Full PDB file with SEQRES, HELIX, SHEET, SSBOND, CRYST1, ORIGX, SCALE, CONECT and MASTER records, all heavy atoms in Angstrom:
SEQRES   1 A   32  ALA GLN ARG GLU VAL LEU SER LEU ALA ARG TYR ALA ASP          
SEQRES   2 A   32  LEU THR GLN PRO PRO ILE ALA ALA ARG THR GLY LEU PRO          
SEQRES   3 A   32  LEU GLY THR VAL GLU SER                                      
HELIX    1 AA1 GLN A    2  TYR A   11  1                                  10    
HELIX    2 AA2 GLN A   16  THR A   23  1                                   8    
HELIX    3 AA3 LEU A   27  GLU A   31  1                                   5    
CRYST1    1.000    1.000    1.000  90.00  90.00  90.00 P 1           1          
ORIGX1      1.000000  0.000000  0.000000        0.00000                         
ORIGX2      0.000000  1.000000  0.000000        0.00000                         
ORIGX3      0.000000  0.000000  1.000000        0.00000                         
SCALE1      1.000000  0.000000  0.000000        0.00000                         
SCALE2      0.000000  1.000000  0.000000        0.00000                         
SCALE3      0.000000  0.000000  1.000000        0.00000                         
ATOM      1  N   ALA A   1      81.706   5.996  32.517  1.00  0.00           N  
ATOM      2  CA  ALA A   1      81.739   5.543  33.928  1.00  0.00           C  
ATOM      3  C   ALA A   1      81.038   6.539  34.849  1.00  0.00           C  
ATOM      4  O   ALA A   1      80.281   6.130  35.724  1.00  0.00           O  
ATOM      5  CB  ALA A   1      83.181   5.321  34.359  1.00  0.00           C  
ATOM      6  N   GLN A   2      81.273   7.835  34.622  1.00  0.00           N  
ATOM      7  CA  GLN A   2      80.588   8.843  35.452  1.00  0.00           C  
ATOM      8  C   GLN A   2      79.104   8.848  35.183  1.00  0.00           C  
ATOM      9  O   GLN A   2      78.286   8.931  36.118  1.00  0.00           O  
ATOM     10  CB  GLN A   2      81.177  10.229  35.146  1.00  0.00           C  
ATOM     11  CG  GLN A   2      82.577  10.422  35.615  1.00  0.00           C  
ATOM     12  CD  GLN A   2      83.170  11.760  35.219  1.00  0.00           C  
ATOM     13  OE1 GLN A   2      82.496  12.591  34.620  1.00  0.00           O  
ATOM     14  NE2 GLN A   2      84.425  11.962  35.560  1.00  0.00           N  
ATOM     15  N   ARG A   3      78.727   8.704  33.920  1.00  0.00           N  
ATOM     16  CA  ARG A   3      77.306   8.665  33.563  1.00  0.00           C  
ATOM     17  C   ARG A   3      76.621   7.458  34.197  1.00  0.00           C  
ATOM     18  O   ARG A   3      75.508   7.587  34.736  1.00  0.00           O  
ATOM     19  CB  ARG A   3      77.176   8.613  32.028  1.00  0.00           C  
ATOM     20  CG  ARG A   3      75.775   8.758  31.553  1.00  0.00           C  
ATOM     21  CD  ARG A   3      75.708   8.935  30.026  1.00  0.00           C  
ATOM     22  NE  ARG A   3      76.380   7.879  29.280  1.00  0.00           N  
ATOM     23  CZ  ARG A   3      77.484   8.062  28.552  1.00  0.00           C  
ATOM     24  NH1 ARG A   3      78.040   9.262  28.448  1.00  0.00           N  
ATOM     25  NH2 ARG A   3      78.018   7.077  27.911  1.00  0.00           N  
ATOM     26  N   GLU A   4      77.284   6.308  34.185  1.00  0.00           N  
ATOM     27  CA  GLU A   4      76.686   5.123  34.810  1.00  0.00           C  
ATOM     28  C   GLU A   4      76.492   5.282  36.314  1.00  0.00           C  
ATOM     29  O   GLU A   4      75.422   4.979  36.835  1.00  0.00           O  
ATOM     30  CB  GLU A   4      77.573   3.889  34.553  1.00  0.00           C  
ATOM     31  CG  GLU A   4      76.998   2.631  35.171  1.00  0.00           C  
ATOM     32  CD  GLU A   4      77.897   1.412  34.972  1.00  0.00           C  
ATOM     33  OE1 GLU A   4      79.103   1.575  34.746  1.00  0.00           O  
ATOM     34  OE2 GLU A   4      77.362   0.310  35.057  1.00  0.00           O  
ATOM     35  N   VAL A   5      77.507   5.814  36.985  1.00  0.00           N  
ATOM     36  CA  VAL A   5      77.420   6.002  38.445  1.00  0.00           C  
ATOM     37  C   VAL A   5      76.291   6.969  38.778  1.00  0.00           C  
ATOM     38  O   VAL A   5      75.447   6.700  39.657  1.00  0.00           O  
ATOM     39  CB  VAL A   5      78.765   6.470  39.019  1.00  0.00           C  
ATOM     40  CG1 VAL A   5      78.611   6.984  40.438  1.00  0.00           C  
ATOM     41  CG2 VAL A   5      79.780   5.322  38.979  1.00  0.00           C  
ATOM     42  N   LEU A   6      76.234   8.085  38.076  1.00  0.00           N  
ATOM     43  CA  LEU A   6      75.200   9.080  38.381  1.00  0.00           C  
ATOM     44  C   LEU A   6      73.809   8.570  38.016  1.00  0.00           C  
ATOM     45  O   LEU A   6      72.825   8.859  38.705  1.00  0.00           O  
ATOM     46  CB  LEU A   6      75.492  10.401  37.663  1.00  0.00           C  
ATOM     47  CG  LEU A   6      76.722  11.154  38.175  1.00  0.00           C  
ATOM     48  CD1 LEU A   6      76.946  12.422  37.359  1.00  0.00           C  
ATOM     49  CD2 LEU A   6      76.609  11.479  39.638  1.00  0.00           C  
ATOM     50  N   SER A   7      73.710   7.803  36.945  1.00  0.00           N  
ATOM     51  CA  SER A   7      72.413   7.251  36.555  1.00  0.00           C  
ATOM     52  C   SER A   7      71.921   6.238  37.601  1.00  0.00           C  
ATOM     53  O   SER A   7      70.737   6.221  37.944  1.00  0.00           O  
ATOM     54  CB  SER A   7      72.524   6.573  35.189  1.00  0.00           C  
ATOM     55  OG  SER A   7      72.750   7.524  34.190  1.00  0.00           O  
ATOM     56  N   LEU A   8      72.822   5.402  38.075  1.00  0.00           N  
ATOM     57  CA  LEU A   8      72.409   4.414  39.102  1.00  0.00           C  
ATOM     58  C   LEU A   8      71.988   5.153  40.410  1.00  0.00           C  
ATOM     59  O   LEU A   8      71.037   4.708  41.057  1.00  0.00           O  
ATOM     60  CB  LEU A   8      73.543   3.436  39.390  1.00  0.00           C  
ATOM     61  CG  LEU A   8      73.799   2.400  38.311  1.00  0.00           C  
ATOM     62  CD1 LEU A   8      75.092   1.646  38.594  1.00  0.00           C  
ATOM     63  CD2 LEU A   8      72.635   1.436  38.201  1.00  0.00           C  
ATOM     64  N   ALA A   9      72.676   6.202  40.732  1.00  0.00           N  
ATOM     65  CA  ALA A   9      72.336   6.961  41.922  1.00  0.00           C  
ATOM     66  C   ALA A   9      70.948   7.602  41.769  1.00  0.00           C  
ATOM     67  O   ALA A   9      70.128   7.545  42.694  1.00  0.00           O  
ATOM     68  CB  ALA A   9      73.378   8.015  42.212  1.00  0.00           C  
ATOM     69  N   ARG A  10      70.710   8.171  40.617  1.00  0.00           N  
ATOM     70  CA  ARG A  10      69.456   8.915  40.401  1.00  0.00           C  
ATOM     71  C   ARG A  10      68.268   7.988  40.095  1.00  0.00           C  
ATOM     72  O   ARG A  10      67.213   8.082  40.730  1.00  0.00           O  
ATOM     73  CB  ARG A  10      69.651   9.929  39.271  1.00  0.00           C  
ATOM     74  CG  ARG A  10      68.414  10.680  38.859  1.00  0.00           C  
ATOM     75  CD  ARG A  10      67.905  11.549  39.998  1.00  0.00           C  
ATOM     76  NE  ARG A  10      66.736  12.276  39.575  1.00  0.00           N  
ATOM     77  CZ  ARG A  10      65.510  12.022  40.031  1.00  0.00           C  
ATOM     78  NH1 ARG A  10      65.312  11.078  40.905  1.00  0.00           N  
ATOM     79  NH2 ARG A  10      64.482  12.743  39.621  1.00  0.00           N  
ATOM     80  N   TYR A  11      68.421   7.154  39.089  1.00  0.00           N  
ATOM     81  CA  TYR A  11      67.280   6.388  38.608  1.00  0.00           C  
ATOM     82  C   TYR A  11      67.044   5.057  39.312  1.00  0.00           C  
ATOM     83  O   TYR A  11      65.919   4.606  39.394  1.00  0.00           O  
ATOM     84  CB  TYR A  11      67.411   6.164  37.081  1.00  0.00           C  
ATOM     85  CG  TYR A  11      67.476   7.487  36.353  1.00  0.00           C  
ATOM     86  CD1 TYR A  11      68.615   7.867  35.688  1.00  0.00           C  
ATOM     87  CD2 TYR A  11      66.388   8.370  36.381  1.00  0.00           C  
ATOM     88  CE1 TYR A  11      68.681   9.092  35.010  1.00  0.00           C  
ATOM     89  CE2 TYR A  11      66.442   9.588  35.726  1.00  0.00           C  
ATOM     90  CZ  TYR A  11      67.595   9.950  35.055  1.00  0.00           C  
ATOM     91  OH  TYR A  11      67.648  11.136  34.400  1.00  0.00           O  
ATOM     92  N   ALA A  12      68.119   4.451  39.837  1.00  0.00           N  
ATOM     93  CA  ALA A  12      67.962   3.218  40.600  1.00  0.00           C  
ATOM     94  C   ALA A  12      67.915   3.509  42.094  1.00  0.00           C  
ATOM     95  O   ALA A  12      67.783   2.593  42.914  1.00  0.00           O  
ATOM     96  CB  ALA A  12      69.081   2.232  40.266  1.00  0.00           C  
ATOM     97  N   ASP A  13      68.092   4.787  42.469  1.00  0.00           N  
ATOM     98  CA  ASP A  13      68.041   5.232  43.875  1.00  0.00           C  
ATOM     99  C   ASP A  13      69.040   4.456  44.737  1.00  0.00           C  
ATOM    100  O   ASP A  13      68.711   4.029  45.837  1.00  0.00           O  
ATOM    101  CB  ASP A  13      66.617   5.102  44.407  1.00  0.00           C  
ATOM    102  CG  ASP A  13      66.430   5.935  45.670  1.00  0.00           C  
ATOM    103  OD1 ASP A  13      67.110   6.979  45.810  1.00  0.00           O  
ATOM    104  OD2 ASP A  13      65.585   5.530  46.504  1.00  0.00           O  
ATOM    105  N   LEU A  14      70.258   4.287  44.200  1.00  0.00           N  
ATOM    106  CA  LEU A  14      71.291   3.550  44.922  1.00  0.00           C  
ATOM    107  C   LEU A  14      72.295   4.522  45.535  1.00  0.00           C  
ATOM    108  O   LEU A  14      72.576   5.557  44.955  1.00  0.00           O  
ATOM    109  CB  LEU A  14      72.041   2.595  43.995  1.00  0.00           C  
ATOM    110  CG  LEU A  14      71.254   1.473  43.386  1.00  0.00           C  
ATOM    111  CD1 LEU A  14      72.139   0.672  42.406  1.00  0.00           C  
ATOM    112  CD2 LEU A  14      70.694   0.545  44.428  1.00  0.00           C  
ATOM    113  N   THR A  15      72.823   4.169  46.695  1.00  0.00           N  
ATOM    114  CA  THR A  15      73.901   4.928  47.291  1.00  0.00           C  
ATOM    115  C   THR A  15      75.211   4.351  46.752  1.00  0.00           C  
ATOM    116  O   THR A  15      75.235   3.346  46.018  1.00  0.00           O  
ATOM    117  CB  THR A  15      73.876   4.822  48.824  1.00  0.00           C  
ATOM    118  OG1 THR A  15      73.992   3.467  49.203  1.00  0.00           O  
ATOM    119  CG2 THR A  15      72.580   5.437  49.386  1.00  0.00           C  
ATOM    120  N   GLN A  16      76.317   4.960  47.106  1.00  0.00           N  
ATOM    121  CA  GLN A  16      77.595   4.571  46.521  1.00  0.00           C  
ATOM    122  C   GLN A  16      78.018   3.146  46.834  1.00  0.00           C  
ATOM    123  O   GLN A  16      78.511   2.456  45.928  1.00  0.00           O  
ATOM    124  CB  GLN A  16      78.663   5.605  46.915  1.00  0.00           C  
ATOM    125  CG  GLN A  16      78.390   6.932  46.241  1.00  0.00           C  
ATOM    126  CD  GLN A  16      79.275   8.051  46.714  1.00  0.00           C  
ATOM    127  OE1 GLN A  16      79.988   7.913  47.733  1.00  0.00           O  
ATOM    128  NE2 GLN A  16      79.245   9.141  46.010  1.00  0.00           N  
ATOM    129  N   PRO A  17      77.872   2.636  48.070  1.00  0.00           N  
ATOM    130  CA  PRO A  17      78.276   1.226  48.291  1.00  0.00           C  
ATOM    131  C   PRO A  17      77.526   0.213  47.402  1.00  0.00           C  
ATOM    132  O   PRO A  17      78.155  -0.661  46.807  1.00  0.00           O  
ATOM    133  CB  PRO A  17      78.025   0.999  49.785  1.00  0.00           C  
ATOM    134  CG  PRO A  17      78.172   2.356  50.377  1.00  0.00           C  
ATOM    135  CD  PRO A  17      77.584   3.295  49.348  1.00  0.00           C  
ATOM    136  N   PRO A  18      76.199   0.304  47.252  1.00  0.00           N  
ATOM    137  CA  PRO A  18      75.539  -0.614  46.328  1.00  0.00           C  
ATOM    138  C   PRO A  18      75.934  -0.399  44.868  1.00  0.00           C  
ATOM    139  O   PRO A  18      75.987  -1.375  44.090  1.00  0.00           O  
ATOM    140  CB  PRO A  18      74.045  -0.324  46.524  1.00  0.00           C  
ATOM    141  CG  PRO A  18      73.929   0.294  47.880  1.00  0.00           C  
ATOM    142  CD  PRO A  18      75.219   1.048  48.053  1.00  0.00           C  
ATOM    143  N   ILE A  19      76.241   0.828  44.486  1.00  0.00           N  
ATOM    144  CA  ILE A  19      76.735   1.062  43.130  1.00  0.00           C  
ATOM    145  C   ILE A  19      78.065   0.338  42.933  1.00  0.00           C  
ATOM    146  O   ILE A  19      78.284  -0.305  41.902  1.00  0.00           O  
ATOM    147  CB  ILE A  19      76.857   2.561  42.826  1.00  0.00           C  
ATOM    148  CG1 ILE A  19      75.463   3.212  42.779  1.00  0.00           C  
ATOM    149  CG2 ILE A  19      77.592   2.803  41.517  1.00  0.00           C  
ATOM    150  CD1 ILE A  19      75.480   4.727  42.731  1.00  0.00           C  
ATOM    151  N   ALA A  20      78.924   0.422  43.909  1.00  0.00           N  
ATOM    152  CA  ALA A  20      80.230  -0.260  43.833  1.00  0.00           C  
ATOM    153  C   ALA A  20      80.028  -1.776  43.696  1.00  0.00           C  
ATOM    154  O   ALA A  20      80.692  -2.425  42.891  1.00  0.00           O  
ATOM    155  CB  ALA A  20      81.087   0.080  45.070  1.00  0.00           C  
ATOM    156  N   ALA A  21      79.123  -2.313  44.486  1.00  0.00           N  
ATOM    157  CA  ALA A  21      78.845  -3.748  44.430  1.00  0.00           C  
ATOM    158  C   ALA A  21      78.272  -4.159  43.076  1.00  0.00           C  
ATOM    159  O   ALA A  21      78.641  -5.165  42.502  1.00  0.00           O  
ATOM    160  CB  ALA A  21      77.913  -4.151  45.537  1.00  0.00           C  
ATOM    161  N   ARG A  22      77.366  -3.340  42.538  1.00  0.00           N  
ATOM    162  CA  ARG A  22      76.700  -3.683  41.273  1.00  0.00           C  
ATOM    163  C   ARG A  22      77.675  -3.558  40.095  1.00  0.00           C  
ATOM    164  O   ARG A  22      77.635  -4.381  39.175  1.00  0.00           O  
ATOM    165  CB  ARG A  22      75.517  -2.755  41.044  1.00  0.00           C  
ATOM    166  CG  ARG A  22      74.793  -3.084  39.745  1.00  0.00           C  
ATOM    167  CD  ARG A  22      73.605  -2.199  39.529  1.00  0.00           C  
ATOM    168  NE  ARG A  22      72.488  -2.651  40.354  1.00  0.00           N  
ATOM    169  CZ  ARG A  22      71.238  -2.255  40.183  1.00  0.00           C  
ATOM    170  NH1 ARG A  22      70.933  -1.418  39.201  1.00  0.00           N  
ATOM    171  NH2 ARG A  22      70.281  -2.689  40.987  1.00  0.00           N  
ATOM    172  N   THR A  23      78.539  -2.547  40.122  1.00  0.00           N  
ATOM    173  CA  THR A  23      79.423  -2.315  38.993  1.00  0.00           C  
ATOM    174  C   THR A  23      80.776  -3.047  39.109  1.00  0.00           C  
ATOM    175  O   THR A  23      81.474  -3.186  38.111  1.00  0.00           O  
ATOM    176  CB  THR A  23      79.745  -0.799  38.824  1.00  0.00           C  
ATOM    177  OG1 THR A  23      80.384  -0.353  40.016  1.00  0.00           O  
ATOM    178  CG2 THR A  23      78.465  -0.009  38.566  1.00  0.00           C  
ATOM    179  N   GLY A  24      81.117  -3.482  40.311  1.00  0.00           N  
ATOM    180  CA  GLY A  24      82.403  -4.110  40.530  1.00  0.00           C  
ATOM    181  C   GLY A  24      83.560  -3.136  40.676  1.00  0.00           C  
ATOM    182  O   GLY A  24      84.697  -3.516  40.712  1.00  0.00           O  
ATOM    183  N   LEU A  25      83.218  -1.836  40.737  1.00  0.00           N  
ATOM    184  CA  LEU A  25      84.225  -0.804  40.941  1.00  0.00           C  
ATOM    185  C   LEU A  25      84.525  -0.643  42.414  1.00  0.00           C  
ATOM    186  O   LEU A  25      83.622  -0.812  43.259  1.00  0.00           O  
ATOM    187  CB  LEU A  25      83.735   0.531  40.384  1.00  0.00           C  
ATOM    188  CG  LEU A  25      83.483   0.634  38.888  1.00  0.00           C  
ATOM    189  CD1 LEU A  25      82.763   1.932  38.554  1.00  0.00           C  
ATOM    190  CD2 LEU A  25      84.788   0.539  38.130  1.00  0.00           C  
ATOM    191  N   PRO A  26      85.759  -0.289  42.744  1.00  0.00           N  
ATOM    192  CA  PRO A  26      86.073   0.027  44.159  1.00  0.00           C  
ATOM    193  C   PRO A  26      85.227   1.226  44.621  1.00  0.00           C  
ATOM    194  O   PRO A  26      84.906   2.129  43.814  1.00  0.00           O  
ATOM    195  CB  PRO A  26      87.550   0.390  44.149  1.00  0.00           C  
ATOM    196  CG  PRO A  26      88.085  -0.192  42.898  1.00  0.00           C  
ATOM    197  CD  PRO A  26      86.955  -0.189  41.913  1.00  0.00           C  
ATOM    198  N   LEU A  27      84.900   1.245  45.891  1.00  0.00           N  
ATOM    199  CA  LEU A  27      84.061   2.321  46.438  1.00  0.00           C  
ATOM    200  C   LEU A  27      84.698   3.679  46.185  1.00  0.00           C  
ATOM    201  O   LEU A  27      84.012   4.644  45.801  1.00  0.00           O  
ATOM    202  CB  LEU A  27      83.813   2.113  47.923  1.00  0.00           C  
ATOM    203  CG  LEU A  27      82.987   3.185  48.634  1.00  0.00           C  
ATOM    204  CD1 LEU A  27      81.621   3.348  47.971  1.00  0.00           C  
ATOM    205  CD2 LEU A  27      82.841   2.836  50.117  1.00  0.00           C  
ATOM    206  N   GLY A  28      85.990   3.805  46.369  1.00  0.00           N  
ATOM    207  CA  GLY A  28      86.668   5.079  46.145  1.00  0.00           C  
ATOM    208  C   GLY A  28      86.544   5.567  44.703  1.00  0.00           C  
ATOM    209  O   GLY A  28      86.422   6.759  44.432  1.00  0.00           O  
ATOM    210  N   THR A  29      86.530   4.641  43.764  1.00  0.00           N  
ATOM    211  CA  THR A  29      86.365   4.995  42.361  1.00  0.00           C  
ATOM    212  C   THR A  29      84.950   5.478  42.094  1.00  0.00           C  
ATOM    213  O   THR A  29      84.740   6.439  41.367  1.00  0.00           O  
ATOM    214  CB  THR A  29      86.711   3.773  41.468  1.00  0.00           C  
ATOM    215  OG1 THR A  29      88.073   3.373  41.740  1.00  0.00           O  
ATOM    216  CG2 THR A  29      86.552   4.095  39.997  1.00  0.00           C  
ATOM    217  N   VAL A  30      83.972   4.805  42.696  1.00  0.00           N  
ATOM    218  CA  VAL A  30      82.586   5.238  42.574  1.00  0.00           C  
ATOM    219  C   VAL A  30      82.428   6.644  43.132  1.00  0.00           C  
ATOM    220  O   VAL A  30      81.800   7.512  42.534  1.00  0.00           O  
ATOM    221  CB  VAL A  30      81.613   4.253  43.259  1.00  0.00           C  
ATOM    222  CG1 VAL A  30      80.218   4.812  43.351  1.00  0.00           C  
ATOM    223  CG2 VAL A  30      81.615   2.914  42.540  1.00  0.00           C  
ATOM    224  N   GLU A  31      83.021   6.897  44.307  1.00  0.00           N  
ATOM    225  CA  GLU A  31      82.945   8.219  44.919  1.00  0.00           C  
ATOM    226  C   GLU A  31      83.595   9.262  44.005  1.00  0.00           C  
ATOM    227  O   GLU A  31      83.032  10.361  43.813  1.00  0.00           O  
ATOM    228  CB  GLU A  31      83.650   8.207  46.275  1.00  0.00           C  
ATOM    229  CG  GLU A  31      82.939   7.360  47.312  1.00  0.00           C  
ATOM    230  CD  GLU A  31      83.750   7.139  48.576  1.00  0.00           C  
ATOM    231  OE1 GLU A  31      84.981   7.413  48.545  1.00  0.00           O  
ATOM    232  OE2 GLU A  31      83.178   6.698  49.579  1.00  0.00           O  
ATOM    233  N   SER A  32      84.716   8.944  43.427  1.00  0.00           N  
ATOM    234  CA  SER A  32      85.398   9.864  42.534  1.00  0.00           C  
ATOM    235  C   SER A  32      84.586  10.134  41.264  1.00  0.00           C  
ATOM    236  O   SER A  32      84.478  11.299  40.836  1.00  0.00           O  
ATOM    237  CB  SER A  32      86.777   9.283  42.143  1.00  0.00           C  
ATOM    238  OG  SER A  32      87.441  10.149  41.266  1.00  0.00           O  
TER     239      SER A  32                                                      
MASTER        0    0    0    3    0    0    0    6  238    1    0    3          
END                                                                             
């Protein structure tokens, strides 16, 4: 889960709210 979030941030150039939307995780979980 951490690897996916960091990969999306780095390689897909996404911020945390779009990562939350793409993964279906709550924003707080993505931040964590």
